[in-house]
């Protein structure tokens, strides 16, 4: 599977979706179009496809949300740092 596939599938089947969503109610997904959320969900999709870890990721809704939220915060912080590096090069 490619990174692009993980991004697409991660957004189509978001790891951090509510239990109600997973039980076929399919409400709107929070932050669906925000790039950092898509990136975090893509990473989670990749991890869920790996033997040895995918079973460990079967956790409660609140923990799924915590995991993805933490990843988003890290991704955004890294983006800020990277942006700062480019600003300093000018």
PDB file of N, CA and C in Angstrom:
ATOM      1  N   UNK A   1       0.842  -1.168   0.000  1.00  0.00           N
ATOM      2  CA  UNK A   1       0.000   0.000   0.000  1.00  0.00           C
ATOM      3  C   UNK A   1       0.895   1.241   0.000  1.00  0.00           C
ATOM      4  N   UNK A   2       0.479   2.256  -0.729  1.00  0.00           N
ATOM      5  CA  UNK A   2       1.262   3.488  -0.813  1.00  0.00           C
ATOM      6  C   UNK A   2       0.805   4.497   0.249  1.00  0.00           C
ATOM      7  N   UNK A   3       1.603   5.531   0.422  1.00  0.00           N
ATOM      8  CA  UNK A   3       1.238   6.606   1.354  1.00  0.00           C
ATOM      9  C   UNK A   3      -0.067   7.264   0.913  1.00  0.00           C
ATOM     10  N   UNK A   4      -0.244   7.422  -0.390  1.00  0.00           N
ATOM     11  CA  UNK A   4      -1.485   8.015  -0.900  1.00  0.00           C
ATOM     12  C   UNK A   4      -2.686   7.136  -0.543  1.00  0.00           C
ATOM     13  N   UNK A   5      -2.511   5.812  -0.672  1.00  0.00           N
ATOM     14  CA  UNK A   5      -3.580   4.881  -0.288  1.00  0.00           C
ATOM     15  C   UNK A   5      -3.915   5.033   1.192  1.00  0.00           C
ATOM     16  N   UNK A   6      -2.883   5.140   2.034  1.00  0.00           N
ATOM     17  CA  UNK A   6      -3.112   5.296   3.471  1.00  0.00           C
ATOM     18  C   UNK A   6      -3.861   6.587   3.775  1.00  0.00           C
ATOM     19  N   UNK A   7      -3.521   7.665   3.083  1.00  0.00           N
ATOM     20  CA  UNK A   7      -4.240   8.929   3.281  1.00  0.00           C
ATOM     21  C   UNK A   7      -5.712   8.782   2.903  1.00  0.00           C
ATOM     22  N   UNK A   8      -5.962   8.184   1.758  1.00  0.00           N
ATOM     23  CA  UNK A   8      -7.343   8.019   1.302  1.00  0.00           C
ATOM     24  C   UNK A   8      -8.142   7.111   2.230  1.00  0.00           C
ATOM     25  N   UNK A   9      -7.574   5.962   2.562  1.00  0.00           N
ATOM     26  CA  UNK A   9      -8.290   5.015   3.424  1.00  0.00           C
ATOM     27  C   UNK A   9      -8.405   5.519   4.860  1.00  0.00           C
ATOM     28  N   UNK A  10      -7.375   6.225   5.322  1.00  0.00           N
ATOM     29  CA  UNK A  10      -7.428   6.779   6.666  1.00  0.00           C
ATOM     30  C   UNK A  10      -8.548   7.788   6.820  1.00  0.00           C
ATOM     31  N   UNK A  11      -8.828   8.525   5.764  1.00  0.00           N
ATOM     32  CA  UNK A  11      -9.909   9.501   5.817  1.00  0.00           C
ATOM     33  C   UNK A  11     -11.264   8.833   5.579  1.00  0.00           C
ATOM     34  N   UNK A  12     -11.271   7.781   4.777  1.00  0.00           N
ATOM     35  CA  UNK A  12     -12.530   7.067   4.513  1.00  0.00           C
ATOM     36  C   UNK A  12     -12.970   6.251   5.734  1.00  0.00           C
ATOM     37  N   UNK A  13     -11.995   5.695   6.451  1.00  0.00           N
ATOM     38  CA  UNK A  13     -12.266   4.891   7.652  1.00  0.00           C
ATOM     39  C   UNK A  13     -11.436   5.456   8.808  1.00  0.00           C
ATOM     40  N   UNK A  14     -11.819   6.610   9.326  1.00  0.00           N
ATOM     41  CA  UNK A  14     -10.997   7.287  10.332  1.00  0.00           C
ATOM     42  C   UNK A  14     -10.915   6.534  11.654  1.00  0.00           C
ATOM     43  N   UNK A  15      -9.700   6.275  12.081  1.00  0.00           N
ATOM     44  CA  UNK A  15      -9.446   5.552  13.331  1.00  0.00           C
ATOM     45  C   UNK A  15     -10.117   6.218  14.515  1.00  0.00           C
ATOM     46  N   UNK A  16     -10.171   7.540  14.510  1.00  0.00           N
ATOM     47  CA  UNK A  16     -10.717   8.285  15.640  1.00  0.00           C
ATOM     48  C   UNK A  16     -12.217   8.555  15.534  1.00  0.00           C
ATOM     49  N   UNK A  17     -12.892   7.949  14.573  1.00  0.00           N
ATOM     50  CA  UNK A  17     -14.342   8.139  14.460  1.00  0.00           C
ATOM     51  C   UNK A  17     -15.036   7.562  15.690  1.00  0.00           C
ATOM     52  N   UNK A  18     -16.192   8.109  15.985  1.00  0.00           N
ATOM     53  CA  UNK A  18     -16.942   7.661  17.162  1.00  0.00           C
ATOM     54  C   UNK A  18     -17.437   6.225  16.985  1.00  0.00           C
ATOM     55  N   UNK A  19     -17.748   5.589  18.094  1.00  0.00           N
ATOM     56  CA  UNK A  19     -18.320   4.242  18.039  1.00  0.00           C
ATOM     57  C   UNK A  19     -19.625   4.252  17.250  1.00  0.00           C
ATOM     58  N   UNK A  20     -20.417   5.315  17.398  1.00  0.00           N
ATOM     59  CA  UNK A  20     -21.677   5.424  16.646  1.00  0.00           C
ATOM     60  C   UNK A  20     -21.397   5.426  15.144  1.00  0.00           C
ATOM     61  N   UNK A  21     -20.350   6.140  14.737  1.00  0.00           N
ATOM     62  CA  UNK A  21     -19.982   6.171  13.314  1.00  0.00           C
ATOM     63  C   UNK A  21     -19.623   4.768  12.837  1.00  0.00           C
ATOM     64  N   UNK A  22     -18.824   4.066  13.626  1.00  0.00           N
ATOM     65  CA  UNK A  22     -18.405   2.720  13.242  1.00  0.00           C
ATOM     66  C   UNK A  22     -19.564   1.744  13.241  1.00  0.00           C
ATOM     67  N   UNK A  23     -20.620   2.038  13.985  1.00  0.00           N
ATOM     68  CA  UNK A  23     -21.813   1.184  14.003  1.00  0.00           C
ATOM     69  C   UNK A  23     -22.789   1.591  12.908  1.00  0.00           C
ATOM     70  N   UNK A  24     -22.262   2.125  11.825  1.00  0.00           N
ATOM     71  CA  UNK A  24     -22.999   2.427  10.594  1.00  0.00           C
ATOM     72  C   UNK A  24     -23.901   3.641  10.651  1.00  0.00           C
ATOM     73  N   UNK A  25     -23.707   4.517  11.598  1.00  0.00           N
ATOM     74  CA  UNK A  25     -24.506   5.743  11.599  1.00  0.00           C
ATOM     75  C   UNK A  25     -23.849   6.795  10.712  1.00  0.00           C
ATOM     76  N   UNK A  26     -22.572   6.682  10.492  1.00  0.00           N
ATOM     77  CA  UNK A  26     -21.803   7.521   9.566  1.00  0.00           C
ATOM     78  C   UNK A  26     -22.152   8.998   9.606  1.00  0.00           C
ATOM     79  N   UNK A  27     -22.073   9.583  10.793  1.00  0.00           N
ATOM     80  CA  UNK A  27     -22.203  11.031  10.936  1.00  0.00           C
ATOM     81  C   UNK A  27     -20.993  11.688  10.280  1.00  0.00           C
ATOM     82  N   UNK A  28     -21.028  12.975  10.188  1.00  0.00           N
ATOM     83  CA  UNK A  28     -19.883  13.707   9.645  1.00  0.00           C
ATOM     84  C   UNK A  28     -18.654  13.459  10.523  1.00  0.00           C
ATOM     85  N   UNK A  29     -17.513  13.428   9.891  1.00  0.00           N
ATOM     86  CA  UNK A  29     -16.255  13.186  10.593  1.00  0.00           C
ATOM     87  C   UNK A  29     -15.624  14.526  10.933  1.00  0.00           C
ATOM     88  N   UNK A  30     -15.326  14.764  12.207  1.00  0.00           N
ATOM     89  CA  UNK A  30     -14.684  16.041  12.561  1.00  0.00           C
ATOM     90  C   UNK A  30     -13.335  16.213  11.860  1.00  0.00           C
ATOM     91  N   UNK A  31     -13.040  17.411  11.442  1.00  0.00           N
ATOM     92  CA  UNK A  31     -11.747  17.775  10.843  1.00  0.00           C
ATOM     93  C   UNK A  31     -11.447  17.013   9.555  1.00  0.00           C
ATOM     94  N   UNK A  32     -12.481  16.574   8.866  1.00  0.00           N
ATOM     95  CA  UNK A  32     -12.302  15.701   7.700  1.00  0.00           C
ATOM     96  C   UNK A  32     -11.384  16.277   6.626  1.00  0.00           C
ATOM     97  N   UNK A  33     -11.405  17.577   6.422  1.00  0.00           N
ATOM     98  CA  UNK A  33     -10.617  18.148   5.332  1.00  0.00           C
ATOM     99  C   UNK A  33      -9.324  18.816   5.799  1.00  0.00           C
ATOM    100  N   UNK A  34      -9.026  18.777   7.082  1.00  0.00           N
ATOM    101  CA  UNK A  34      -7.809  19.413   7.584  1.00  0.00           C
ATOM    102  C   UNK A  34      -6.607  18.487   7.378  1.00  0.00           C
ATOM    103  N   UNK A  35      -5.558  19.035   6.785  1.00  0.00           N
ATOM    104  CA  UNK A  35      -4.438  18.206   6.332  1.00  0.00           C
ATOM    105  C   UNK A  35      -3.740  17.439   7.453  1.00  0.00           C
ATOM    106  N   UNK A  36      -3.562  18.042   8.614  1.00  0.00           N
ATOM    107  CA  UNK A  36      -2.865  17.340   9.698  1.00  0.00           C
ATOM    108  C   UNK A  36      -3.691  16.164  10.211  1.00  0.00           C
ATOM    109  N   UNK A  37      -5.001  16.320  10.245  1.00  0.00           N
ATOM    110  CA  UNK A  37      -5.878  15.215  10.663  1.00  0.00           C
ATOM    111  C   UNK A  37      -5.837  14.098   9.630  1.00  0.00           C
ATOM    112  N   UNK A  38      -5.826  14.475   8.350  1.00  0.00           N
ATOM    113  CA  UNK A  38      -5.728  13.461   7.297  1.00  0.00           C
ATOM    114  C   UNK A  38      -4.403  12.707   7.413  1.00  0.00           C
ATOM    115  N   UNK A  39      -3.317  13.433   7.710  1.00  0.00           N
ATOM    116  CA  UNK A  39      -2.006  12.800   7.855  1.00  0.00           C
ATOM    117  C   UNK A  39      -2.006  11.816   9.023  1.00  0.00           C
ATOM    118  N   UNK A  40      -2.530  12.242  10.163  1.00  0.00           N
ATOM    119  CA  UNK A  40      -2.569  11.363  11.343  1.00  0.00           C
ATOM    120  C   UNK A  40      -3.410  10.118  11.063  1.00  0.00           C
ATOM    121  N   UNK A  41      -4.534  10.306  10.406  1.00  0.00           N
ATOM    122  CA  UNK A  41      -5.392   9.153  10.077  1.00  0.00           C
ATOM    123  C   UNK A  41      -4.715   8.234   9.058  1.00  0.00           C
ATOM    124  N   UNK A  42      -3.940   8.808   8.157  1.00  0.00           N
ATOM    125  CA  UNK A  42      -3.189   7.992   7.204  1.00  0.00           C
ATOM    126  C   UNK A  42      -2.141   7.144   7.907  1.00  0.00           C
ATOM    127  N   UNK A  43      -1.464   7.735   8.884  1.00  0.00           N
ATOM    128  CA  UNK A  43      -0.477   6.982   9.670  1.00  0.00           C
ATOM    129  C   UNK A  43      -1.168   5.850  10.429  1.00  0.00           C
ATOM    130  N   UNK A  44      -2.317   6.160  11.019  1.00  0.00           N
ATOM    131  CA  UNK A  44      -3.042   5.123  11.760  1.00  0.00           C
ATOM    132  C   UNK A  44      -3.501   4.014  10.825  1.00  0.00           C
ATOM    133  N   UNK A  45      -3.896   4.355   9.608  1.00  0.00           N
ATOM    134  CA  UNK A  45      -4.287   3.328   8.648  1.00  0.00           C
ATOM    135  C   UNK A  45      -3.107   2.408   8.345  1.00  0.00           C
ATOM    136  N   UNK A  46      -1.930   2.999   8.176  1.00  0.00           N
ATOM    137  CA  UNK A  46      -0.726   2.205   7.936  1.00  0.00           C
ATOM    138  C   UNK A  46      -0.447   1.269   9.120  1.00  0.00           C
ATOM    139  N   UNK A  47      -0.530   1.798  10.324  1.00  0.00           N
ATOM    140  CA  UNK A  47      -0.257   0.978  11.511  1.00  0.00           C
ATOM    141  C   UNK A  47      -1.256  -0.159  11.667  1.00  0.00           C
ATOM    142  N   UNK A  48      -2.505   0.111  11.318  1.00  0.00           N
ATOM    143  CA  UNK A  48      -3.531  -0.921  11.455  1.00  0.00           C
ATOM    144  C   UNK A  48      -3.342  -2.064  10.465  1.00  0.00           C
ATOM    145  N   UNK A  49      -2.519  -1.847   9.473  1.00  0.00           N
ATOM    146  CA  UNK A  49      -2.261  -2.889   8.474  1.00  0.00           C
ATOM    147  C   UNK A  49      -1.015  -3.708   8.803  1.00  0.00           C
ATOM    148  N   UNK A  50      -0.419  -3.461   9.953  1.00  0.00           N
ATOM    149  CA  UNK A  50       0.821  -4.146  10.333  1.00  0.00           C
ATOM    150  C   UNK A  50       0.558  -5.207  11.395  1.00  0.00           C
ATOM    151  N   UNK A  51       1.003  -6.410  11.083  1.00  0.00           N
ATOM    152  CA  UNK A  51       0.828  -7.475  12.077  1.00  0.00           C
ATOM    153  C   UNK A  51       1.670  -7.150  13.305  1.00  0.00           C
ATOM    154  N   UNK A  52       1.217  -7.568  14.452  1.00  0.00           N
ATOM    155  CA  UNK A  52       1.944  -7.317  15.679  1.00  0.00           C
ATOM    156  C   UNK A  52       1.536  -6.038  16.375  1.00  0.00           C
ATOM    157  N   UNK A  53       0.935  -5.110  15.636  1.00  0.00           N
ATOM    158  CA  UNK A  53       0.489  -3.873  16.272  1.00  0.00           C
ATOM    159  C   UNK A  53      -1.009  -3.652  16.080  1.00  0.00           C
ATOM    160  N   UNK A  54      -1.565  -4.127  14.966  1.00  0.00           N
ATOM    161  CA  UNK A  54      -2.963  -3.800  14.681  1.00  0.00           C
ATOM    162  C   UNK A  54      -3.917  -4.259  15.778  1.00  0.00           C
ATOM    163  N   UNK A  55      -3.650  -5.390  16.399  1.00  0.00           N
ATOM    164  CA  UNK A  55      -4.537  -5.860  17.474  1.00  0.00           C
ATOM    165  C   UNK A  55      -4.422  -4.986  18.720  1.00  0.00           C
ATOM    166  N   UNK A  56      -3.250  -4.411  18.929  1.00  0.00           N
ATOM    167  CA  UNK A  56      -3.048  -3.531  20.083  1.00  0.00           C
ATOM    168  C   UNK A  56      -3.782  -2.199  19.913  1.00  0.00           C
ATOM    169  N   UNK A  57      -4.159  -1.868  18.693  1.00  0.00           N
ATOM    170  CA  UNK A  57      -4.837  -0.603  18.427  1.00  0.00           C
ATOM    171  C   UNK A  57      -6.350  -0.697  18.589  1.00  0.00           C
ATOM    172  N   UNK A  58      -6.826  -1.842  18.988  1.00  0.00           N
ATOM    173  CA  UNK A  58      -8.262  -2.036  19.238  1.00  0.00           C
ATOM    174  C   UNK A  58      -8.579  -1.530  20.641  1.00  0.00           C
ATOM    175  N   UNK A  59      -8.799  -0.218  20.754  1.00  0.00           N
ATOM    176  CA  UNK A  59      -8.995   0.443  22.045  1.00  0.00           C
ATOM    177  C   UNK A  59     -10.301   1.228  22.025  1.00  0.00           C
ATOM    178  N   UNK A  60     -10.657   1.783  23.157  1.00  0.00           N
ATOM    179  CA  UNK A  60     -11.912   2.529  23.276  1.00  0.00           C
ATOM    180  C   UNK A  60     -11.878   3.833  22.476  1.00  0.00           C
ATOM    181  N   UNK A  61     -13.061   4.355  22.233  1.00  0.00           N
ATOM    182  CA  UNK A  61     -13.219   5.580  21.450  1.00  0.00           C
ATOM    183  C   UNK A  61     -12.404   6.738  22.020  1.00  0.00           C
ATOM    184  N   UNK A  62     -12.448   6.934  23.315  1.00  0.00           N
ATOM    185  CA  UNK A  62     -11.723   8.072  23.900  1.00  0.00           C
ATOM    186  C   UNK A  62     -10.219   7.951  23.710  1.00  0.00           C
ATOM    187  N   UNK A  63      -9.691   6.740  23.766  1.00  0.00           N
ATOM    188  CA  UNK A  63      -8.255   6.530  23.549  1.00  0.00           C
ATOM    189  C   UNK A  63      -7.908   6.728  22.075  1.00  0.00           C
ATOM    190  N   UNK A  64      -8.758   6.271  21.163  1.00  0.00           N
ATOM    191  CA  UNK A  64      -8.515   6.496  19.728  1.00  0.00           C
ATOM    192  C   UNK A  64      -8.440   7.994  19.431  1.00  0.00           C
ATOM    193  N   UNK A  65      -9.366   8.738  20.007  1.00  0.00           N
ATOM    194  CA  UNK A  65      -9.382  10.184  19.791  1.00  0.00           C
ATOM    195  C   UNK A  65      -8.123  10.829  20.372  1.00  0.00           C
ATOM    196  N   UNK A  66      -7.729  10.385  21.568  1.00  0.00           N
ATOM    197  CA  UNK A  66      -6.508  10.903  22.208  1.00  0.00           C
ATOM    198  C   UNK A  66      -5.275  10.651  21.339  1.00  0.00           C
ATOM    199  N   UNK A  67      -5.163   9.447  20.802  1.00  0.00           N
ATOM    200  CA  UNK A  67      -4.005   9.079  19.979  1.00  0.00           C
ATOM    201  C   UNK A  67      -3.923   9.971  18.748  1.00  0.00           C
ATOM    202  N   UNK A  68      -5.022  10.087  18.034  1.00  0.00           N
ATOM    203  CA  UNK A  68      -5.013  10.874  16.797  1.00  0.00           C
ATOM    204  C   UNK A  68      -4.806  12.356  17.102  1.00  0.00           C
ATOM    205  N   UNK A  69      -5.425  12.853  18.143  1.00  0.00           N
ATOM    206  CA  UNK A  69      -5.248  14.255  18.524  1.00  0.00           C
ATOM    207  C   UNK A  69      -3.782  14.549  18.863  1.00  0.00           C
ATOM    208  N   UNK A  70      -3.137  13.656  19.590  1.00  0.00           N
ATOM    209  CA  UNK A  70      -1.722  13.833  19.922  1.00  0.00           C
ATOM    210  C   UNK A  70      -0.872  13.832  18.655  1.00  0.00           C
ATOM    211  N   UNK A  71      -1.175  12.953  17.728  1.00  0.00           N
ATOM    212  CA  UNK A  71      -0.426  12.914  16.468  1.00  0.00           C
ATOM    213  C   UNK A  71      -0.603  14.216  15.698  1.00  0.00           C
ATOM    214  N   UNK A  72      -1.830  14.728  15.664  1.00  0.00           N
ATOM    215  CA  UNK A  72      -2.093  15.991  14.965  1.00  0.00           C
ATOM    216  C   UNK A  72      -1.276  17.118  15.586  1.00  0.00           C
ATOM    217  N   UNK A  73      -1.253  17.186  16.901  1.00  0.00           N
ATOM    218  CA  UNK A  73      -0.484  18.237  17.580  1.00  0.00           C
ATOM    219  C   UNK A  73       1.000  18.136  17.252  1.00  0.00           C
ATOM    220  N   UNK A  74       1.526  16.934  17.200  1.00  0.00           N
ATOM    221  CA  UNK A  74       2.938  16.732  16.863  1.00  0.00           C
ATOM    222  C   UNK A  74       3.205  17.128  15.406  1.00  0.00           C
ATOM    223  N   UNK A  75       2.331  16.719  14.516  1.00  0.00           N
ATOM    224  CA  UNK A  75       2.474  17.058  13.094  1.00  0.00           C
ATOM    225  C   UNK A  75       2.454  18.571  12.901  1.00  0.00           C
ATOM    226  N   UNK A  76       1.512  19.247  13.551  1.00  0.00           N
ATOM    227  CA  UNK A  76       1.412  20.701  13.426  1.00  0.00           C
ATOM    228  C   UNK A  76       2.635  21.411  14.017  1.00  0.00           C
ATOM    229  N   UNK A  77       3.125  20.902  15.135  1.00  0.00           N
ATOM    230  CA  UNK A  77       4.326  21.494  15.747  1.00  0.00           C
ATOM    231  C   UNK A  77       5.532  21.332  14.823  1.00  0.00           C
ATOM    232  N   UNK A  78       5.677  20.160  14.225  1.00  0.00           N
ATOM    233  CA  UNK A  78       6.784  19.935  13.287  1.00  0.00           C
ATOM    234  C   UNK A  78       6.662  20.862  12.088  1.00  0.00           C
ATOM    235  N   UNK A  79       5.453  21.084  11.615  1.00  0.00           N
ATOM    236  CA  UNK A  79       5.242  21.988  10.479  1.00  0.00           C
ATOM    237  C   UNK A  79       5.634  23.414  10.855  1.00  0.00           C
ATOM    238  N   UNK A  80       5.298  23.844  12.068  1.00  0.00           N
ATOM    239  CA  UNK A  80       5.675  25.186  12.534  1.00  0.00           C
ATOM    240  C   UNK A  80       7.194  25.326  12.589  1.00  0.00           C
ATOM    241  N   UNK A  81       7.855  24.305  13.121  1.00  0.00           N
ATOM    242  CA  UNK A  81       9.323  24.342  13.204  1.00  0.00           C
ATOM    243  C   UNK A  81       9.935  24.416  11.814  1.00  0.00           C
ATOM    244  N   UNK A  82       9.399  23.634  10.902  1.00  0.00           N
ATOM    245  CA  UNK A  82       9.917  23.625   9.541  1.00  0.00           C
ATOM    246  C   UNK A  82       9.695  24.981   8.879  1.00  0.00           C
ATOM    247  N   UNK A  83       8.539  25.558   9.092  1.00  0.00           N
ATOM    248  CA  UNK A  83       8.239  26.877   8.556  1.00  0.00           C
ATOM    249  C   UNK A  83       9.208  27.913   9.117  1.00  0.00           C
ATOM    250  N   UNK A  84       9.521  27.799  10.387  1.00  0.00           N
ATOM    251  CA  UNK A  84      10.471  28.703  11.031  1.00  0.00           C
ATOM    252  C   UNK A  84      11.855  28.594  10.434  1.00  0.00           C
ATOM    253  N   UNK A  85      12.271  27.397  10.066  1.00  0.00           N
ATOM    254  CA  UNK A  85      13.571  27.215   9.434  1.00  0.00           C
ATOM    255  C   UNK A  85      13.644  27.945   8.114  1.00  0.00           C
ATOM    256  N   UNK A  86      12.575  27.853   7.347  1.00  0.00           N
ATOM    257  CA  UNK A  86      12.567  28.546   6.049  1.00  0.00           C
ATOM    258  C   UNK A  86      12.575  30.056   6.248  1.00  0.00           C
ATOM    259  N   UNK A  87      11.879  30.533   7.269  1.00  0.00           N
ATOM    260  CA  UNK A  87      11.864  31.971   7.562  1.00  0.00           C
ATOM    261  C   UNK A  87      13.264  32.472   7.922  1.00  0.00           C
ATOM    262  N   UNK A  88      14.026  31.673   8.654  1.00  0.00           N
ATOM    263  CA  UNK A  88      15.367  32.081   9.081  1.00  0.00           C
ATOM    264  C   UNK A  88      16.366  32.064   7.929  1.00  0.00           C
ATOM    265  N   UNK A  89      16.089  31.295   6.876  1.00  0.00           N
ATOM    266  CA  UNK A  89      17.010  31.206   5.743  1.00  0.00           C
ATOM    267  C   UNK A  89      16.970  32.457   4.881  1.00  0.00           C
ATOM    268  N   UNK A  90      15.918  33.221   4.957  1.00  0.00           N
ATOM    269  CA  UNK A  90      15.769  34.422   4.092  1.00  0.00           C
ATOM    270  C   UNK A  90      16.708  35.522   4.460  1.00  0.00           C
TER     271      UNK A  90
END
